[in-house]
C-alpha atoms as a PDB file:
ATOM      1  CA  MET A   1     -60.754   1.762  12.487  1.00  0.00           C
ATOM      2  CA  ASN A   2     -62.248   4.957  11.087  1.00  0.00           C
ATOM      3  CA  ALA A   3     -64.459   5.499   8.057  1.00  0.00           C
ATOM      4  CA  ASP A   4     -61.475   6.256   5.830  1.00  0.00           C
ATOM      5  CA  ASP A   5     -59.924   2.825   6.520  1.00  0.00           C
ATOM      6  CA  SER A   6     -62.593   1.035   4.472  1.00  0.00           C
ATOM      7  CA  CYS A   7     -62.337   3.355   1.455  1.00  0.00           C
ATOM      8  CA  GLN A   8     -60.686   2.285  -1.788  1.00  0.00           C
ATOM      9  CA  GLY A   9     -59.599   3.730  -5.118  1.00  0.00           C
ATOM     10  CA  GLY A  10     -59.180   7.295  -4.018  1.00  0.00           C
ATOM     11  CA  GLN A  11     -62.361   7.458  -1.945  1.00  0.00           C
ATOM     12  CA  SER A  12     -60.413   8.375   1.187  1.00  0.00           C
ATOM     13  CA  GLN A  13     -58.642  11.204  -0.625  1.00  0.00           C
ATOM     14  CA  ARG A  14     -61.975  12.429  -2.012  1.00  0.00           C
ATOM     15  CA  LEU A  15     -63.412  12.457   1.502  1.00  0.00           C
ATOM     16  CA  GLN A  16     -60.432  14.447   2.766  1.00  0.00           C
ATOM     17  CA  ILE A  17     -60.808  16.967  -0.061  1.00  0.00           C
ATOM     18  CA  ALA A  18     -64.534  17.299   0.657  1.00  0.00           C
ATOM     19  CA  ARG A  19     -63.861  17.845   4.361  1.00  0.00           C
ATOM     20  CA  THR A  20     -61.247  20.463   3.568  1.00  0.00           C
ATOM     21  CA  TYR A  21     -63.579  22.219   1.120  1.00  0.00           C
ATOM     22  CA  LEU A  22     -66.406  22.312   3.672  1.00  0.00           C
ATOM     23  CA  LYS A  23     -64.158  24.079   6.183  1.00  0.00           C
ATOM     24  CA  ASP A  24     -64.307  27.075   3.821  1.00  0.00           C
ATOM     25  CA  ALA A  25     -60.783  28.194   4.691  1.00  0.00           C
ATOM     26  CA  GLU A  26     -59.104  30.906   2.616  1.00  0.00           C
ATOM     27  CA  ILE A  27     -55.948  28.837   2.114  1.00  0.00           C
ATOM     28  CA  LEU A  28     -55.984  25.071   1.608  1.00  0.00           C
ATOM     29  CA  ILE A  29     -52.934  22.811   1.710  1.00  0.00           C
ATOM     30  CA  PHE A  30     -52.811  19.371   0.112  1.00  0.00           C
ATOM     31  CA  ASP A  31     -49.631  17.429   0.827  1.00  0.00           C
ATOM     32  CA  GLU A  32     -49.161  14.527  -1.601  1.00  0.00           C
ATOM     33  CA  SER A  33     -52.931  14.026  -1.714  1.00  0.00           C
ATOM     34  CA  THR A  34     -52.701  11.827  -4.828  1.00  0.00           C
ATOM     35  CA  ALA A  35     -49.347  10.114  -4.237  1.00  0.00           C
ATOM     36  CA  ASN A  36     -50.728   6.596  -3.757  1.00  0.00           C
ATOM     37  CA  LEU A  37     -53.356   6.635  -6.479  1.00  0.00           C
ATOM     38  CA  ASP A  38     -53.519   5.127  -9.930  1.00  0.00           C
ATOM     39  CA  ALA A  39     -53.667   7.534 -12.877  1.00  0.00           C
ATOM     40  CA  ASP A  40     -57.478   7.397 -13.253  1.00  0.00           C
ATOM     41  CA  SER A  41     -58.148   8.120  -9.578  1.00  0.00           C
ATOM     42  CA  GLU A  42     -55.541  10.883  -9.576  1.00  0.00           C
ATOM     43  CA  TYR A  43     -57.182  12.514 -12.602  1.00  0.00           C
ATOM     44  CA  ALA A  44     -60.618  12.359 -10.940  1.00  0.00           C
ATOM     45  CA  ILE A  45     -59.349  13.949  -7.740  1.00  0.00           C
ATOM     46  CA  ILE A  46     -57.325  16.652  -9.500  1.00  0.00           C
ATOM     47  CA  SER A  47     -60.399  17.505 -11.600  1.00  0.00           C
ATOM     48  CA  ILE A  48     -62.436  17.877  -8.406  1.00  0.00           C
ATOM     49  CA  LEU A  49     -59.734  20.061  -6.853  1.00  0.00           C
ATOM     50  CA  TYR A  50     -59.456  22.356  -9.856  1.00  0.00           C
ATOM     51  CA  SER A  51     -63.194  22.859 -10.284  1.00  0.00           C
ATOM     52  CA  ALA A  52     -64.340  22.987  -6.655  1.00  0.00           C
ATOM     53  CA  LEU A  53     -61.474  25.072  -5.339  1.00  0.00           C
ATOM     54  CA  LYS A  54     -60.776  27.485  -8.184  1.00  0.00           C
ATOM     55  CA  GLU A  55     -61.779  30.514  -6.090  1.00  0.00           C
ATOM     56  CA  LYS A  56     -59.439  29.524  -3.238  1.00  0.00           C
ATOM     57  CA  THR A  57     -55.740  29.778  -2.620  1.00  0.00           C
ATOM     58  CA  VAL A  58     -54.585  26.180  -2.809  1.00  0.00           C
ATOM     59  CA  VAL A  59     -51.094  24.909  -2.055  1.00  0.00           C
ATOM     60  CA  ILE A  60     -50.424  21.483  -3.550  1.00  0.00           C
ATOM     61  CA  ILE A  61     -47.278  19.651  -2.537  1.00  0.00           C
ATOM     62  CA  ALA A  62     -46.526  16.922  -5.056  1.00  0.00           C
ATOM     63  CA  HIS A  63     -43.799  14.939  -6.753  1.00  0.00           C
ATOM     64  CA  ARG A  64     -45.891  14.049  -9.791  1.00  0.00           C
ATOM     65  CA  LEU A  65     -45.905  16.432 -12.716  1.00  0.00           C
ATOM     66  CA  SER A  66     -49.446  15.410 -13.644  1.00  0.00           C
ATOM     67  CA  THR A  67     -50.660  16.771 -10.314  1.00  0.00           C
ATOM     68  CA  VAL A  68     -49.350  20.303 -10.799  1.00  0.00           C
ATOM     69  CA  LYS A  69     -48.660  21.035 -14.468  1.00  0.00           C
ATOM     70  CA  ASP A  70     -51.905  22.999 -14.973  1.00  0.00           C
ATOM     71  CA  VAL A  71     -51.753  25.204 -11.867  1.00  0.00           C
ATOM     72  CA  ASP A  72     -51.277  28.991 -11.955  1.00  0.00           C
ATOM     73  CA  CYS A  73     -47.804  28.939 -10.412  1.00  0.00           C
ATOM     74  CA  ILE A  74     -45.342  26.142  -9.699  1.00  0.00           C
ATOM     75  CA  PHE A  75     -42.569  26.570  -7.145  1.00  0.00           C
ATOM     76  CA  PHE A  76     -39.762  24.129  -7.942  1.00  0.00           C
ATOM     77  CA  LEU A  77     -37.749  23.062  -4.895  1.00  0.00           C
ATOM     78  CA  GLU A  78     -34.309  21.510  -4.744  1.00  0.00           C
ATOM     79  CA  GLU A  79     -32.781  20.523  -1.411  1.00  0.00           C
ATOM     80  CA  GLY A  80     -35.438  22.524   0.431  1.00  0.00           C
ATOM     81  CA  LYS A  81     -34.890  25.755  -1.510  1.00  0.00           C
ATOM     82  CA  ILE A  82     -37.064  27.332  -4.195  1.00  0.00           C
ATOM     83  CA  THR A  83     -34.933  27.399  -7.341  1.00  0.00           C
ATOM     84  CA  GLY A  84     -37.621  28.422  -9.796  1.00  0.00           C
ATOM     85  CA  SER A  85     -41.201  29.569 -10.102  1.00  0.00           C
ATOM     86  CA  GLY A  86     -43.676  30.153 -12.886  1.00  0.00           C
ATOM     87  CA  THR A  87     -46.113  28.309 -15.063  1.00  0.00           C
ATOM     88  CA  HIS A  88     -45.261  24.894 -16.451  1.00  0.00           C
ATOM     89  CA  LYS A  89     -44.391  26.484 -19.807  1.00  0.00           C
ATOM     90  CA  GLU A  90     -42.239  29.225 -18.239  1.00  0.00           C
ATOM     91  CA  LEU A  91     -40.286  26.746 -16.156  1.00  0.00           C
ATOM     92  CA  LEU A  92     -39.771  24.433 -19.137  1.00  0.00           C
ATOM     93  CA  GLU A  93     -38.264  27.322 -21.064  1.00  0.00           C
ATOM     94  CA  ASN A  94     -36.198  28.876 -18.263  1.00  0.00           C
ATOM     95  CA  HIS A  95     -35.289  26.241 -15.673  1.00  0.00           C
ATOM     96  CA  GLU A  96     -32.949  23.450 -16.765  1.00  0.00           C
ATOM     97  CA  ARG A  97     -33.546  21.187 -13.746  1.00  0.00           C
ATOM     98  CA  TYR A  98     -37.334  21.503 -14.078  1.00  0.00           C
ATOM     99  CA  ALA A  99     -37.097  20.598 -17.763  1.00  0.00           C
ATOM    100  CA  ARG A 100     -35.036  17.527 -16.809  1.00  0.00           C
ATOM    101  CA  PHE A 101     -37.602  16.633 -14.124  1.00  0.00           C
ATOM    102  CA  VAL A 102     -40.373  16.808 -16.735  1.00  0.00           C
ATOM    103  CA  GLN A 103     -38.397  14.624 -19.121  1.00  0.00           C
ATOM    104  CA  GLU A 104     -37.786  12.047 -16.371  1.00  0.00           C
ATOM    105  CA  GLN A 105     -41.495  11.999 -15.480  1.00  0.00           C
ATOM    106  CA  MET A 106     -42.437  11.359 -19.101  1.00  0.00           C
ATOM    107  CA  ILE A 107     -40.061   8.382 -19.298  1.00  0.00           C
ATOM    108  CA  GLU A 108     -41.558   6.735 -16.209  1.00  0.00           C
END
């Protein structure tokens, strides 16, 4: 059992983000870092990411719209291929499948 095993409510994810930040790498990758969190914990972690890492290149891999809608550039993938890129607004206006994805996320 490691220290992360006893963490709850997003604490483990916060520890992982802190560890990643302290490495001071130029490029940081977060793969589904908020996938198993409730909305409040996700919001707290995304807020930390956006403020603490705003001077870094950060790649966030996510299925939740709320995780990525405010980033500088979204790459929308379908079947392993990039089918669109741009801001949330640009993709809504120019990418039919992304717009459908957004609509589906809002229903859930």
